[in-house]
C-alpha atoms as a PDB file:
ATOM      1  CA  MET A   1      76.247 -55.034 -12.665  1.00  0.00           C
ATOM      2  CA  ALA A   2      72.637 -55.288 -13.869  1.00  0.00           C
ATOM      3  CA  LEU A   3      73.166 -52.113 -15.924  1.00  0.00           C
ATOM      4  CA  TRP A   4      76.202 -53.447 -17.739  1.00  0.00           C
ATOM      5  CA  GLU A   5      74.340 -54.879 -20.745  1.00  0.00           C
ATOM      6  CA  PRO A   6      71.830 -52.018 -21.144  1.00  0.00           C
ATOM      7  CA  ILE A   7      74.748 -49.566 -21.215  1.00  0.00           C
ATOM      8  CA  ASN A   8      76.674 -51.716 -23.693  1.00  0.00           C
ATOM      9  CA  ALA A   9      73.581 -51.828 -25.913  1.00  0.00           C
ATOM     10  CA  ARG A  10      73.614 -48.025 -26.169  1.00  0.00           C
ATOM     11  CA  LEU A  11      77.317 -47.748 -27.012  1.00  0.00           C
ATOM     12  CA  PRO A  12      78.506 -47.621 -30.634  1.00  0.00           C
ATOM     13  CA  ALA A  13      78.771 -50.995 -32.393  1.00  0.00           C
ATOM     14  CA  GLY A  14      81.891 -52.893 -31.375  1.00  0.00           C
ATOM     15  CA  THR A  15      82.293 -50.865 -28.183  1.00  0.00           C
ATOM     16  CA  GLU A  16      81.594 -52.125 -24.698  1.00  0.00           C
ATOM     17  CA  LEU A  17      82.413 -51.189 -21.137  1.00  0.00           C
ATOM     18  CA  ALA A  18      85.807 -52.368 -19.935  1.00  0.00           C
ATOM     19  CA  GLN A  19      86.846 -53.759 -16.543  1.00  0.00           C
ATOM     20  CA  ARG A  20      83.867 -56.113 -16.132  1.00  0.00           C
ATOM     21  CA  ASP A  21      85.742 -58.853 -14.234  1.00  0.00           C
ATOM     22  CA  SER A  22      87.477 -56.486 -11.805  1.00  0.00           C
ATOM     23  CA  THR A  23      84.235 -54.575 -11.283  1.00  0.00           C
ATOM     24  CA  GLN A  24      82.463 -57.868 -10.535  1.00  0.00           C
ATOM     25  CA  ARG A  25      85.121 -58.688  -7.888  1.00  0.00           C
ATOM     26  CA  LEU A  26      84.559 -55.258  -6.334  1.00  0.00           C
ATOM     27  CA  ASN A  27      80.796 -55.778  -6.326  1.00  0.00           C
ATOM     28  CA  THR A  28      81.153 -59.241  -4.736  1.00  0.00           C
ATOM     29  CA  ALA A  29      83.357 -57.812  -1.971  1.00  0.00           C
ATOM     30  CA  ARG A  30      80.932 -54.914  -1.441  1.00  0.00           C
ATOM     31  CA  ASN A  31      78.006 -57.305  -1.117  1.00  0.00           C
ATOM     32  CA  GLY A  32      79.959 -59.518   1.310  1.00  0.00           C
ATOM     33  CA  MET A  33      80.753 -56.528   3.499  1.00  0.00           C
ATOM     34  CA  LYS A  34      77.263 -55.051   3.308  1.00  0.00           C
ATOM     35  CA  HIS A  35      75.224 -58.209   3.792  1.00  0.00           C
ATOM     36  CA  SER A  36      77.521 -60.527   5.752  1.00  0.00           C
ATOM     37  CA  GLY A  37      79.961 -58.232   7.523  1.00  0.00           C
ATOM     38  CA  VAL A  38      82.972 -59.653   5.674  1.00  0.00           C
ATOM     39  CA  VAL A  39      85.907 -57.347   6.358  1.00  0.00           C
ATOM     40  CA  ILE A  40      87.835 -56.345   3.244  1.00  0.00           C
ATOM     41  CA  ALA A  41      91.613 -56.558   3.601  1.00  0.00           C
ATOM     42  CA  LYS A  42      93.608 -53.352   3.167  1.00  0.00           C
ATOM     43  CA  ALA A  43      95.440 -54.785   0.154  1.00  0.00           C
ATOM     44  CA  ASP A  44      92.093 -55.587  -1.467  1.00  0.00           C
ATOM     45  CA  MET A  45      90.806 -52.076  -0.728  1.00  0.00           C
ATOM     46  CA  ASP A  46      93.900 -50.619  -2.405  1.00  0.00           C
ATOM     47  CA  ALA A  47      93.317 -52.875  -5.430  1.00  0.00           C
ATOM     48  CA  PHE A  48      89.640 -51.830  -5.578  1.00  0.00           C
ATOM     49  CA  ARG A  49      90.645 -48.166  -5.514  1.00  0.00           C
ATOM     50  CA  ILE A  50      92.772 -48.833  -8.612  1.00  0.00           C
ATOM     51  CA  THR A  51      89.910 -50.822 -10.174  1.00  0.00           C
ATOM     52  CA  VAL A  52      87.530 -47.891  -9.786  1.00  0.00           C
ATOM     53  CA  ALA A  53      90.053 -45.404 -11.190  1.00  0.00           C
ATOM     54  CA  ASP A  54      90.773 -47.671 -14.162  1.00  0.00           C
ATOM     55  CA  PHE A  55      87.053 -48.237 -14.762  1.00  0.00           C
ATOM     56  CA  PHE A  56      86.339 -44.512 -15.025  1.00  0.00           C
ATOM     57  CA  GLU A  57      89.513 -43.702 -16.981  1.00  0.00           C
ATOM     58  CA  GLU A  58      88.733 -46.333 -19.587  1.00  0.00           C
ATOM     59  CA  ASN A  59      84.935 -46.031 -19.795  1.00  0.00           C
ATOM     60  CA  THR A  60      84.286 -42.290 -19.512  1.00  0.00           C
ATOM     61  CA  PRO A  61      85.327 -41.628 -23.141  1.00  0.00           C
ATOM     62  CA  LYS A  62      83.200 -44.526 -24.349  1.00  0.00           C
ATOM     63  CA  VAL A  63      80.056 -43.343 -22.585  1.00  0.00           C
ATOM     64  CA  PHE A  64      80.461 -39.557 -22.580  1.00  0.00           C
ATOM     65  CA  GLY A  65      82.882 -38.903 -25.450  1.00  0.00           C
ATOM     66  CA  VAL A  66      85.355 -37.047 -23.251  1.00  0.00           C
ATOM     67  CA  THR A  67      88.326 -38.160 -21.168  1.00  0.00           C
ATOM     68  CA  LEU A  68      87.899 -38.298 -17.410  1.00  0.00           C
ATOM     69  CA  ALA A  69      90.509 -35.542 -17.032  1.00  0.00           C
ATOM     70  CA  LYS A  70      88.295 -33.211 -19.085  1.00  0.00           C
ATOM     71  CA  VAL A  71      85.164 -33.810 -16.997  1.00  0.00           C
ATOM     72  CA  SER A  72      84.237 -30.837 -14.865  1.00  0.00           C
ATOM     73  CA  MET A  73      81.266 -29.591 -12.911  1.00  0.00           C
ATOM     74  CA  ALA A  74      80.973 -26.837 -15.519  1.00  0.00           C
ATOM     75  CA  SER A  75      79.958 -29.447 -18.075  1.00  0.00           C
ATOM     76  CA  LEU A  76      76.801 -30.056 -16.031  1.00  0.00           C
ATOM     77  CA  VAL A  77      75.602 -26.455 -16.460  1.00  0.00           C
ATOM     78  CA  ARG A  78      72.812 -26.445 -19.014  1.00  0.00           C
ATOM     79  CA  TYR A  79      73.003 -22.765 -20.020  1.00  0.00           C
ATOM     80  CA  ASP A  80      75.567 -22.370 -22.812  1.00  0.00           C
ATOM     81  CA  ASP A  81      76.752 -18.855 -21.918  1.00  0.00           C
ATOM     82  CA  VAL A  82      77.135 -19.690 -18.230  1.00  0.00           C
ATOM     83  CA  ARG A  83      78.943 -22.952 -19.017  1.00  0.00           C
ATOM     84  CA  LEU A  84      81.322 -21.154 -21.419  1.00  0.00           C
ATOM     85  CA  SER A  85      82.191 -18.549 -18.770  1.00  0.00           C
ATOM     86  CA  LEU A  86      82.878 -21.307 -16.228  1.00  0.00           C
ATOM     87  CA  GLU A  87      85.029 -23.201 -18.722  1.00  0.00           C
ATOM     88  CA  GLU A  88      86.986 -20.003 -19.367  1.00  0.00           C
ATOM     89  CA  ALA A  89      87.398 -19.614 -15.598  1.00  0.00           C
ATOM     90  CA  GLU A  90      88.762 -23.163 -15.406  1.00  0.00           C
ATOM     91  CA  ALA A  91      91.233 -22.378 -18.188  1.00  0.00           C
ATOM     92  CA  PHE A  92      92.474 -19.254 -16.393  1.00  0.00           C
ATOM     93  CA  ALA A  93      92.717 -21.169 -13.109  1.00  0.00           C
ATOM     94  CA  GLY A  94      94.686 -23.891 -14.888  1.00  0.00           C
ATOM     95  CA  MET A  95      97.169 -21.240 -16.032  1.00  0.00           C
ATOM     96  CA  GLY A  96      97.427 -19.906 -12.485  1.00  0.00           C
ATOM     97  CA  ASP A  97      95.586 -16.654 -13.271  1.00  0.00           C
ATOM     98  CA  THR A  98      93.181 -16.698 -10.332  1.00  0.00           C
ATOM     99  CA  GLU A  99      92.169 -13.067 -10.758  1.00  0.00           C
ATOM    100  CA  GLU A 100      90.882 -13.621 -14.299  1.00  0.00           C
ATOM    101  CA  ALA A 101      89.327 -16.916 -13.185  1.00  0.00           C
ATOM    102  CA  ALA A 102      87.430 -15.121 -10.402  1.00  0.00           C
ATOM    103  CA  LYS A 103      86.212 -12.511 -12.890  1.00  0.00           C
ATOM    104  CA  LYS A 104      84.874 -15.230 -15.195  1.00  0.00           C
ATOM    105  CA  VAL A 105      83.116 -16.938 -12.276  1.00  0.00           C
ATOM    106  CA  ALA A 106      81.540 -13.590 -11.370  1.00  0.00           C
ATOM    107  CA  VAL A 107      80.392 -13.182 -14.974  1.00  0.00           C
ATOM    108  CA  ALA A 108      78.906 -16.700 -14.925  1.00  0.00           C
ATOM    109  CA  PHE A 109      77.101 -15.891 -11.682  1.00  0.00           C
ATOM    110  CA  GLN A 110      75.667 -12.725 -13.221  1.00  0.00           C
ATOM    111  CA  GLN A 111      74.582 -14.636 -16.314  1.00  0.00           C
ATOM    112  CA  LEU A 112      72.873 -17.236 -14.165  1.00  0.00           C
ATOM    113  CA  LEU A 113      71.103 -14.576 -12.129  1.00  0.00           C
ATOM    114  CA  GLN A 114      69.916 -12.934 -15.335  1.00  0.00           C
ATOM    115  CA  ILE A 115      68.465 -16.241 -16.515  1.00  0.00           C
ATOM    116  CA  SER A 116      66.967 -17.175 -13.165  1.00  0.00           C
ATOM    117  CA  SER A 117      63.605 -16.168 -11.809  1.00  0.00           C
ATOM    118  CA  TRP A 118      65.214 -14.099  -9.054  1.00  0.00           C
ATOM    119  CA  ASN A 119      67.178 -11.766 -11.303  1.00  0.00           C
ATOM    120  CA  SER A 120      65.062  -8.802 -10.366  1.00  0.00           C
ATOM    121  CA  PHE A 121      66.697  -7.529  -7.176  1.00  0.00           C
ATOM    122  CA  GLY A 122      64.770  -4.341  -6.560  1.00  0.00           C
ATOM    123  CA  GLY A 123      62.652  -4.624  -9.704  1.00  0.00           C
ATOM    124  CA  GLY A 124      65.225  -3.417 -12.232  1.00  0.00           C
ATOM    125  CA  ARG A 125      66.466  -5.321 -15.246  1.00  0.00           C
ATOM    126  CA  ARG A 126      70.118  -4.714 -14.394  1.00  0.00           C
ATOM    127  CA  LEU A 127      72.223  -7.513 -13.052  1.00  0.00           C
ATOM    128  CA  PRO A 128      72.586  -7.375  -9.274  1.00  0.00           C
ATOM    129  CA  LEU A 129      76.377  -7.552  -9.431  1.00  0.00           C
ATOM    130  CA  GLU A 130      78.542  -5.461 -11.689  1.00  0.00           C
ATOM    131  CA  TYR A 131      82.230  -6.155 -12.055  1.00  0.00           C
ATOM    132  CA  ALA A 132      84.389  -3.140 -12.638  1.00  0.00           C
ATOM    133  CA  THR A 133      87.436  -2.310 -10.571  1.00  0.00           C
ATOM    134  CA  ARG A 134      85.306  -3.380  -7.597  1.00  0.00           C
ATOM    135  CA  LEU A 135      82.015  -5.127  -7.105  1.00  0.00           C
ATOM    136  CA  SER A 136      78.868  -3.258  -6.184  1.00  0.00           C
ATOM    137  CA  TYR A 137      75.947  -4.978  -4.495  1.00  0.00           C
ATOM    138  CA  PRO A 138      72.223  -4.396  -4.458  1.00  0.00           C
ATOM    139  CA  SER A 139      70.664  -3.153  -1.289  1.00  0.00           C
ATOM    140  CA  MET A 140      70.110  -6.103   1.038  1.00  0.00           C
ATOM    141  CA  ARG A 141      66.585  -4.749   1.595  1.00  0.00           C
ATOM    142  CA  SER A 142      65.722  -5.445  -2.049  1.00  0.00           C
ATOM    143  CA  ILE A 143      66.723  -9.128  -1.888  1.00  0.00           C
ATOM    144  CA  PRO A 144      63.870 -11.583  -1.377  1.00  0.00           C
ATOM    145  CA  PRO A 145      63.896 -12.890   2.230  1.00  0.00           C
ATOM    146  CA  GLU A 146      64.424 -16.502   1.152  1.00  0.00           C
ATOM    147  CA  LEU A 147      67.651 -15.487  -0.640  1.00  0.00           C
ATOM    148  CA  LYS A 148      69.034 -13.057   1.942  1.00  0.00           C
ATOM    149  CA  SER A 149      71.367 -15.479   3.768  1.00  0.00           C
ATOM    150  CA  PHE A 150      72.628 -16.841   0.432  1.00  0.00           C
ATOM    151  CA  ALA A 151      73.286 -13.307  -0.862  1.00  0.00           C
ATOM    152  CA  GLU A 152      75.162 -12.405   2.335  1.00  0.00           C
ATOM    153  CA  GLU A 153      77.356 -15.511   2.004  1.00  0.00           C
ATOM    154  CA  VAL A 154      78.090 -14.736  -1.654  1.00  0.00           C
ATOM    155  CA  LYS A 155      78.905 -11.113  -0.824  1.00  0.00           C
ATOM    156  CA  GLY A 156      81.269 -12.215   1.944  1.00  0.00           C
ATOM    157  CA  ALA A 157      83.004 -14.735  -0.306  1.00  0.00           C
ATOM    158  CA  ILE A 158      83.425 -12.215  -3.131  1.00  0.00           C
ATOM    159  CA  ASP A 159      84.700  -9.568  -0.707  1.00  0.00           C
ATOM    160  CA  THR A 160      87.282 -12.048   0.575  1.00  0.00           C
ATOM    161  CA  LEU A 161      88.373 -12.959  -2.959  1.00  0.00           C
ATOM    162  CA  THR A 162      88.652  -9.373  -4.172  1.00  0.00           C
ATOM    163  CA  LYS A 163      90.657  -7.966  -1.261  1.00  0.00           C
ATOM    164  CA  LYS A 164      94.006  -6.662  -2.422  1.00  0.00           C
ATOM    165  CA  PRO A 165      97.003  -8.241  -0.628  1.00  0.00           C
END
């Protein structure tokens, strides 16, 4: 609740966070439970769940300029090309095209590896994964030891996703 006014001060003129009273009731109940062991009734918990949903639905556009439904983990990716590939994957997944979505995720992974400091599996400048009709992998011997278990998990996950039914 202490952040309410500083956030309001940064919003456009005439705009402020909504749901202050219901959020204050939630905070009071939380403090009572945390500091005094006051048990919150099930009906109150259900009401607080609605309060939280309403708070984010109403305030996300005000603070972030996008509806809550449009928020995705992809929006947190700071590299434009990688983020775009992930957003395309989300679009394909939303249409039910999981094969194209998986391809776009693989492309995003390759882009991220190219950007990252560990893109040089085996010293070459090629990307370690190439998507064609099947995926090819670098030799596990060329992967830095600290990344070996991660690479094995990724390989296993991709193999599982690309198996033909």
